[in-house]
C-alpha atoms as a PDB file:
ATOM      1  CA  MET A   1    -184.009  70.723 116.944  1.00  0.00           C
ATOM      2  CA  SER A   2    -185.915  71.001 120.260  1.00  0.00           C
ATOM      3  CA  ALA A   3    -184.390  70.807 123.666  1.00  0.00           C
ATOM      4  CA  VAL A   4    -184.214  67.318 124.900  1.00  0.00           C
ATOM      5  CA  ILE A   5    -186.629  66.470 126.867  1.00  0.00           C
ATOM      6  CA  PRO A   6    -186.116  63.058 128.563  1.00  0.00           C
ATOM      7  CA  ASP A   7    -188.507  60.045 128.622  1.00  0.00           C
ATOM      8  CA  VAL A   8    -188.816  57.996 131.107  1.00  0.00           C
ATOM      9  CA  ALA A   9    -189.457  55.276 128.886  1.00  0.00           C
ATOM     10  CA  LEU A  10    -185.732  55.255 128.240  1.00  0.00           C
ATOM     11  CA  VAL A  11    -185.045  55.778 131.609  1.00  0.00           C
ATOM     12  CA  ASP A  12    -186.907  51.984 132.800  1.00  0.00           C
ATOM     13  CA  ASN A  13    -186.056  50.606 129.243  1.00  0.00           C
ATOM     14  CA  ALA A  14    -182.614  50.688 128.471  1.00  0.00           C
ATOM     15  CA  GLU A  15    -183.268  48.081 125.517  1.00  0.00           C
ATOM     16  CA  GLN A  16    -181.331  49.472 121.622  1.00  0.00           C
ATOM     17  CA  ARG A  17    -184.495  50.656 119.889  1.00  0.00           C
ATOM     18  CA  THR A  18    -185.969  50.611 116.236  1.00  0.00           C
ATOM     19  CA  PRO A  19    -187.520  53.716 115.418  1.00  0.00           C
ATOM     20  CA  LEU A  20    -190.567  53.367 113.028  1.00  0.00           C
ATOM     21  CA  VAL A  21    -192.460  56.522 111.348  1.00  0.00           C
ATOM     22  CA  LEU A  22    -196.017  56.073 109.685  1.00  0.00           C
ATOM     23  CA  VAL A  23    -197.051  59.499 107.593  1.00  0.00           C
ATOM     24  CA  LEU A  24    -200.347  57.988 106.839  1.00  0.00           C
ATOM     25  CA  ASP A  25    -202.351  59.878 103.898  1.00  0.00           C
ATOM     26  CA  CYS A  26    -205.607  60.854 105.332  1.00  0.00           C
ATOM     27  CA  SER A  27    -207.020  63.075 103.173  1.00  0.00           C
ATOM     28  CA  GLY A  28    -210.451  62.926 101.884  1.00  0.00           C
ATOM     29  CA  SER A  29    -209.912  60.175  99.070  1.00  0.00           C
ATOM     30  CA  MET A  30    -209.081  57.501 101.629  1.00  0.00           C
ATOM     31  CA  ALA A  31    -212.863  58.021 103.235  1.00  0.00           C
ATOM     32  CA  GLY A  32    -214.912  54.838 102.832  1.00  0.00           C
ATOM     33  CA  ALA A  33    -213.304  51.414 102.071  1.00  0.00           C
ATOM     34  CA  PRO A  34    -209.224  52.656 102.072  1.00  0.00           C
ATOM     35  CA  MET A  35    -209.811  54.211 105.424  1.00  0.00           C
ATOM     36  CA  ALA A  36    -211.670  51.329 107.202  1.00  0.00           C
ATOM     37  CA  ALA A  37    -208.720  49.018 105.941  1.00  0.00           C
ATOM     38  CA  LEU A  38    -205.807  51.301 106.916  1.00  0.00           C
ATOM     39  CA  ASN A  39    -207.507  51.358 110.286  1.00  0.00           C
ATOM     40  CA  GLU A  40    -207.804  47.359 110.920  1.00  0.00           C
ATOM     41  CA  GLY A  41    -204.378  47.592 109.676  1.00  0.00           C
ATOM     42  CA  LEU A  42    -203.020  49.766 112.079  1.00  0.00           C
ATOM     43  CA  ALA A  43    -205.195  47.685 114.911  1.00  0.00           C
ATOM     44  CA  LEU A  44    -202.997  44.350 113.759  1.00  0.00           C
ATOM     45  CA  LEU A  45    -199.502  46.081 113.750  1.00  0.00           C
ATOM     46  CA  GLU A  46    -200.639  46.899 117.455  1.00  0.00           C
ATOM     47  CA  ARG A  47    -201.300  43.089 118.200  1.00  0.00           C
ATOM     48  CA  GLU A  48    -198.566  41.407 116.575  1.00  0.00           C
ATOM     49  CA  LEU A  49    -196.110  43.653 117.772  1.00  0.00           C
ATOM     50  CA  LYS A  50    -197.222  43.589 121.165  1.00  0.00           C
ATOM     51  CA  ALA A  51    -197.152  39.653 120.957  1.00  0.00           C
ATOM     52  CA  ASP A  52    -193.463  39.684 120.464  1.00  0.00           C
ATOM     53  CA  VAL A  53    -191.115  40.206 123.752  1.00  0.00           C
ATOM     54  CA  ILE A  54    -188.859  41.819 121.325  1.00  0.00           C
ATOM     55  CA  ALA A  55    -190.178  44.246 119.224  1.00  0.00           C
ATOM     56  CA  ALA A  56    -192.602  45.429 122.173  1.00  0.00           C
ATOM     57  CA  LYS A  57    -189.604  46.545 123.817  1.00  0.00           C
ATOM     58  CA  ARG A  58    -187.231  48.064 121.123  1.00  0.00           C
ATOM     59  CA  VAL A  59    -190.043  48.987 118.091  1.00  0.00           C
ATOM     60  CA  ARG A  60    -190.432  52.702 118.684  1.00  0.00           C
ATOM     61  CA  ILE A  61    -193.535  53.856 116.515  1.00  0.00           C
ATOM     62  CA  LEU A  62    -194.749  57.499 115.900  1.00  0.00           C
ATOM     63  CA  VAL A  63    -198.042  58.502 113.570  1.00  0.00           C
ATOM     64  CA  VAL A  64    -198.180  61.351 111.199  1.00  0.00           C
ATOM     65  CA  ARG A  65    -201.889  61.998 110.198  1.00  0.00           C
ATOM     66  CA  TYR A  66    -202.014  64.058 107.227  1.00  0.00           C
ATOM     67  CA  GLY A  67    -204.909  66.094 106.042  1.00  0.00           C
ATOM     68  CA  GLY A  68    -207.547  68.415 106.589  1.00  0.00           C
ATOM     69  CA  HIS A  69    -206.802  72.109 106.098  1.00  0.00           C
ATOM     70  CA  ASP A  70    -202.759  70.841 104.219  1.00  0.00           C
ATOM     71  CA  GLU A  71    -202.652  69.997 107.745  1.00  0.00           C
ATOM     72  CA  ALA A  72    -199.971  67.342 109.507  1.00  0.00           C
ATOM     73  CA  GLU A  73    -199.966  66.394 113.093  1.00  0.00           C
ATOM     74  CA  LEU A  74    -198.666  63.405 115.851  1.00  0.00           C
ATOM     75  CA  MET A  75    -201.616  61.082 117.267  1.00  0.00           C
ATOM     76  CA  GLY A  76    -199.355  61.143 120.095  1.00  0.00           C
ATOM     77  CA  PRO A  77    -195.893  61.006 121.382  1.00  0.00           C
ATOM     78  CA  TRP A  78    -193.615  58.456 120.355  1.00  0.00           C
ATOM     79  CA  CYS A  79    -194.047  55.460 122.249  1.00  0.00           C
ATOM     80  CA  ASP A  80    -192.053  51.637 122.585  1.00  0.00           C
ATOM     81  CA  ALA A  81    -194.674  49.401 120.594  1.00  0.00           C
ATOM     82  CA  MET A  82    -196.063  47.316 123.873  1.00  0.00           C
ATOM     83  CA  ASP A  83    -197.571  50.702 125.058  1.00  0.00           C
ATOM     84  CA  PHE A  84    -198.913  51.802 121.549  1.00  0.00           C
ATOM     85  CA  HIS A  85    -202.246  52.131 121.110  1.00  0.00           C
ATOM     86  CA  ALA A  86    -203.384  52.322 117.114  1.00  0.00           C
ATOM     87  CA  PRO A  87    -205.223  55.239 117.087  1.00  0.00           C
ATOM     88  CA  ARG A  88    -208.610  55.729 114.430  1.00  0.00           C
ATOM     89  CA  LEU A  89    -207.840  57.948 111.638  1.00  0.00           C
ATOM     90  CA  ASP A  90    -210.451  59.879 109.416  1.00  0.00           C
ATOM     91  CA  ALA A  91    -210.058  61.001 105.940  1.00  0.00           C
ATOM     92  CA  ASN A  92    -210.532  64.647 105.018  1.00  0.00           C
ATOM     93  CA  GLY A  93    -209.505  67.409 103.036  1.00  0.00           C
ATOM     94  CA  THR A  94    -206.129  67.562 100.992  1.00  0.00           C
ATOM     95  CA  THR A  95    -202.353  66.101 100.771  1.00  0.00           C
ATOM     96  CA  PRO A  96    -199.767  68.008 102.558  1.00  0.00           C
ATOM     97  CA  THR A  97    -197.160  65.395 101.971  1.00  0.00           C
ATOM     98  CA  GLY A  98    -194.236  67.907 102.395  1.00  0.00           C
ATOM     99  CA  HIS A  99    -194.744  68.893 105.234  1.00  0.00           C
ATOM    100  CA  ALA A 100    -195.953  65.104 106.570  1.00  0.00           C
ATOM    101  CA  VAL A 101    -192.324  64.442 105.896  1.00  0.00           C
ATOM    102  CA  ASP A 102    -190.786  67.557 106.889  1.00  0.00           C
ATOM    103  CA  LEU A 103    -192.600  66.515 110.500  1.00  0.00           C
ATOM    104  CA  ALA A 104    -191.550  63.060 110.709  1.00  0.00           C
ATOM    105  CA  LEU A 105    -188.096  63.768 109.959  1.00  0.00           C
ATOM    106  CA  ALA A 106    -187.474  66.734 112.854  1.00  0.00           C
ATOM    107  CA  GLU A 107    -189.171  64.227 115.172  1.00  0.00           C
ATOM    108  CA  ILE A 108    -186.545  61.185 113.771  1.00  0.00           C
ATOM    109  CA  GLU A 109    -183.158  63.799 114.728  1.00  0.00           C
ATOM    110  CA  ASP A 110    -185.212  64.389 118.182  1.00  0.00           C
ATOM    111  CA  GLU A 111    -186.216  60.720 119.038  1.00  0.00           C
ATOM    112  CA  LYS A 112    -182.378  59.990 117.908  1.00  0.00           C
ATOM    113  CA  ALA A 113    -181.274  62.550 120.367  1.00  0.00           C
ATOM    114  CA  ARG A 114    -183.180  61.604 123.809  1.00  0.00           C
ATOM    115  CA  PHE A 115    -181.676  58.390 122.576  1.00  0.00           C
ATOM    116  CA  ARG A 116    -177.929  59.648 122.869  1.00  0.00           C
ATOM    117  CA  ALA A 117    -178.607  61.631 125.856  1.00  0.00           C
ATOM    118  CA  ALA A 118    -180.068  58.068 127.508  1.00  0.00           C
ATOM    119  CA  GLY A 119    -177.467  56.274 126.256  1.00  0.00           C
ATOM    120  CA  VAL A 120    -179.416  53.903 124.369  1.00  0.00           C
ATOM    121  CA  ALA A 121    -178.388  52.387 120.650  1.00  0.00           C
ATOM    122  CA  TYR A 122    -180.842  52.272 118.337  1.00  0.00           C
ATOM    123  CA  THR A 123    -181.005  51.191 114.653  1.00  0.00           C
ATOM    124  CA  ARG A 124    -180.989  53.162 111.606  1.00  0.00           C
ATOM    125  CA  PRO A 125    -185.311  54.642 111.851  1.00  0.00           C
ATOM    126  CA  TRP A 126    -187.689  53.620 109.190  1.00  0.00           C
ATOM    127  CA  LEU A 127    -189.809  56.163 107.486  1.00  0.00           C
ATOM    128  CA  PHE A 128    -193.200  54.587 106.564  1.00  0.00           C
ATOM    129  CA  LEU A 129    -194.664  56.767 103.606  1.00  0.00           C
ATOM    130  CA  MET A 130    -198.564  55.974 102.142  1.00  0.00           C
ATOM    131  CA  SER A 131    -200.281  58.344  99.483  1.00  0.00           C
ATOM    132  CA  ASP A 132    -202.805  57.260  97.969  1.00  0.00           C
ATOM    133  CA  GLY A 133    -202.886  60.363  95.396  1.00  0.00           C
ATOM    134  CA  VAL A 134    -200.761  63.539  94.977  1.00  0.00           C
ATOM    135  CA  ALA A 135    -199.223  66.167  97.144  1.00  0.00           C
ATOM    136  CA  THR A 136    -201.206  69.549  97.254  1.00  0.00           C
ATOM    137  CA  ASP A 137    -198.120  71.493  98.974  1.00  0.00           C
ATOM    138  CA  ASP A 138    -194.301  72.362  98.185  1.00  0.00           C
ATOM    139  CA  TRP A 139    -193.059  68.998  98.390  1.00  0.00           C
ATOM    140  CA  GLU A 140    -190.247  68.860  96.610  1.00  0.00           C
ATOM    141  CA  GLY A 141    -187.833  70.581  99.270  1.00  0.00           C
ATOM    142  CA  ALA A 142    -188.864  67.922 101.432  1.00  0.00           C
ATOM    143  CA  ALA A 143    -188.254  65.274  98.932  1.00  0.00           C
ATOM    144  CA  ALA A 144    -185.256  66.612  98.739  1.00  0.00           C
ATOM    145  CA  ARG A 145    -184.020  66.663 102.425  1.00  0.00           C
ATOM    146  CA  CYS A 146    -185.310  62.827 102.409  1.00  0.00           C
ATOM    147  CA  ARG A 147    -183.106  61.960  99.872  1.00  0.00           C
ATOM    148  CA  GLU A 148    -180.457  63.298 101.620  1.00  0.00           C
ATOM    149  CA  ALA A 149    -181.280  61.965 105.417  1.00  0.00           C
ATOM    150  CA  GLU A 150    -181.193  58.438 103.734  1.00  0.00           C
ATOM    151  CA  ALA A 151    -178.179  58.747 101.477  1.00  0.00           C
ATOM    152  CA  ALA A 152    -176.828  59.813 104.667  1.00  0.00           C
ATOM    153  CA  ASN A 153    -178.171  56.290 106.221  1.00  0.00           C
ATOM    154  CA  ARG A 154    -180.094  58.973 109.103  1.00  0.00           C
ATOM    155  CA  VAL A 155    -183.455  56.949 108.153  1.00  0.00           C
ATOM    156  CA  ALA A 156    -184.433  54.412 105.434  1.00  0.00           C
ATOM    157  CA  VAL A 157    -187.764  55.794 103.791  1.00  0.00           C
ATOM    158  CA  PHE A 158    -190.382  53.204 102.304  1.00  0.00           C
ATOM    159  CA  PRO A 159    -193.008  54.812 100.344  1.00  0.00           C
ATOM    160  CA  ILE A 160    -195.932  52.797  99.322  1.00  0.00           C
ATOM    161  CA  ALA A 161    -198.125  53.903  97.094  1.00  0.00           C
ATOM    162  CA  VAL A 162    -201.946  53.281  97.051  1.00  0.00           C
ATOM    163  CA  GLY A 163    -204.621  53.193  94.691  1.00  0.00           C
ATOM    164  CA  GLU A 164    -203.953  55.993  91.825  1.00  0.00           C
ATOM    165  CA  ALA A 165    -201.119  57.265  93.796  1.00  0.00           C
ATOM    166  CA  ASP A 166    -198.417  59.249  91.642  1.00  0.00           C
ATOM    167  CA  ARG A 167    -195.924  56.688  92.238  1.00  0.00           C
ATOM    168  CA  ALA A 168    -192.996  59.211  90.485  1.00  0.00           C
ATOM    169  CA  GLN A 169    -193.754  61.746  92.857  1.00  0.00           C
ATOM    170  CA  LEU A 170    -193.808  59.228  96.299  1.00  0.00           C
ATOM    171  CA  GLY A 171    -190.337  58.348  93.827  1.00  0.00           C
ATOM    172  CA  ALA A 172    -188.917  62.023  94.903  1.00  0.00           C
ATOM    173  CA  PHE A 173    -188.893  61.139  98.762  1.00  0.00           C
ATOM    174  CA  CYS A 174    -186.377  58.012  98.129  1.00  0.00           C
ATOM    175  CA  ARG A 175    -182.939  57.173  97.148  1.00  0.00           C
ATOM    176  CA  ASN A 176    -184.339  54.796  94.337  1.00  0.00           C
ATOM    177  CA  GLY A 177    -186.993  56.782  92.701  1.00  0.00           C
ATOM    178  CA  GLU A 178    -189.605  55.178  91.503  1.00  0.00           C
ATOM    179  CA  ARG A 179    -187.742  51.563  91.805  1.00  0.00           C
ATOM    180  CA  GLY A 180    -188.574  52.021  95.800  1.00  0.00           C
ATOM    181  CA  VAL A 181    -191.960  52.778  95.471  1.00  0.00           C
ATOM    182  CA  LYS A 182    -194.344  49.831  96.712  1.00  0.00           C
ATOM    183  CA  GLN A 183    -197.657  49.526  95.119  1.00  0.00           C
ATOM    184  CA  LEU A 184    -200.160  48.043  97.693  1.00  0.00           C
ATOM    185  CA  ALA A 185    -202.733  45.454  96.221  1.00  0.00           C
ATOM    186  CA  GLY A 186    -205.887  46.527  96.107  1.00  0.00           C
ATOM    187  CA  LEU A 187    -206.623  47.205  99.820  1.00  0.00           C
ATOM    188  CA  GLN A 188    -204.686  44.627 100.834  1.00  0.00           C
ATOM    189  CA  PHE A 189    -203.632  46.730 104.460  1.00  0.00           C
ATOM    190  CA  ARG A 190    -204.234  43.654 106.159  1.00  0.00           C
ATOM    191  CA  GLU A 191    -201.324  41.831 104.468  1.00  0.00           C
ATOM    192  CA  LEU A 192    -198.757  45.249 104.466  1.00  0.00           C
ATOM    193  CA  PHE A 193    -199.196  45.649 108.524  1.00  0.00           C
ATOM    194  CA  LEU A 194    -198.603  42.162 108.994  1.00  0.00           C
ATOM    195  CA  TRP A 195    -195.326  42.124 106.850  1.00  0.00           C
ATOM    196  CA  LEU A 196    -194.037  45.313 108.545  1.00  0.00           C
ATOM    197  CA  SER A 197    -194.585  44.068 111.931  1.00  0.00           C
ATOM    198  CA  ALA A 198    -192.475  40.813 110.748  1.00  0.00           C
ATOM    199  CA  SER A 199    -190.156  43.483 109.478  1.00  0.00           C
ATOM    200  CA  MET A 200    -190.299  45.481 113.059  1.00  0.00           C
ATOM    201  CA  GLN A 201    -189.342  42.016 114.449  1.00  0.00           C
ATOM    202  CA  VAL A 202    -186.661  41.005 112.502  1.00  0.00           C
ATOM    203  CA  VAL A 203    -184.667  44.599 112.698  1.00  0.00           C
ATOM    204  CA  SER A 204    -185.288  44.877 116.478  1.00  0.00           C
ATOM    205  CA  GLN A 205    -183.276  42.196 117.124  1.00  0.00           C
ATOM    206  CA  SER A 206    -180.593  42.952 114.776  1.00  0.00           C
ATOM    207  CA  VAL A 207    -177.122  45.175 115.467  1.00  0.00           C
ATOM    208  CA  PRO A 208    -177.291  48.487 115.070  1.00  0.00           C
ATOM    209  CA  GLY A 209    -175.585  49.344 111.411  1.00  0.00           C
ATOM    210  CA  GLY A 210    -175.579  45.713 110.187  1.00  0.00           C
ATOM    211  CA  HIS A 211    -177.866  44.647 107.663  1.00  0.00           C
ATOM    212  CA  ALA A 212    -181.317  42.362 108.337  1.00  0.00           C
ATOM    213  CA  GLN A 213    -182.975  40.042 105.653  1.00  0.00           C
ATOM    214  CA  LEU A 214    -186.825  41.402 105.234  1.00  0.00           C
ATOM    215  CA  PRO A 215    -189.222  38.994 104.789  1.00  0.00           C
ATOM    216  CA  PRO A 216    -191.237  39.431 100.847  1.00  0.00           C
ATOM    217  CA  THR A 217    -193.151  41.593 100.228  1.00  0.00           C
ATOM    218  CA  ASP A 218    -195.099  39.330  97.466  1.00  0.00           C
ATOM    219  CA  SER A 219    -198.313  38.733  99.646  1.00  0.00           C
ATOM    220  CA  TRP A 220    -199.302  42.542  99.461  1.00  0.00           C
ATOM    221  CA  SER A 221    -197.607  44.461  96.726  1.00  0.00           C
ATOM    222  CA  SER A 222    -198.343  44.322  92.773  1.00  0.00           C
ATOM    223  CA  ILE A 223    -196.387  45.246  90.033  1.00  0.00           C
ATOM    224  CA  PRO A 224    -197.920  47.993  88.207  1.00  0.00           C
ATOM    225  CA  VAL A 225    -198.469  47.628  84.230  1.00  0.00           C
END
């Protein structure tokens, strides 16, 4: 873990936080309509969270883009939803899922350390993992670390399969396996991000360590046959 660097937002706003990491597949196979729909969904997430007075102050967002030449990168630092500006993503290259998840897990632990240093309470972080293909890197170790983190209640993992994604591989990143993977129906990114925004609004109002009743996923997910 890197040294804890104070975050001004945590000093100015002592509200409890709900960390959300979006780990988004931007490999070449996402080019065209899928990437356009994903970008529209991110912009919608920004608007919806900013429109909610509580979520705007409590939800913390980090976007991890993976693609290129087996690259995973942060699209800006952690920020409160009120300060979030949806990045404009592009699609190219490979699918380094393992690298992206390891980066996300490290960032989550660093952010939690900043919360503790600032005396800010927080709910369990969400790791929202989206892919439309098959990992092109050495992903098994990262998947094991992700499962272990979820089993220890350090993170909640939400794998989302787009198109012909390898559901079994995505399932390896969560403790429920393939049963824990949600399949996006077509390109219903708008409905997916509306659900995510509504879920964040619910969780941000919950008590750390408690339970939240999330909205149904019927509007955007499908059951593979």
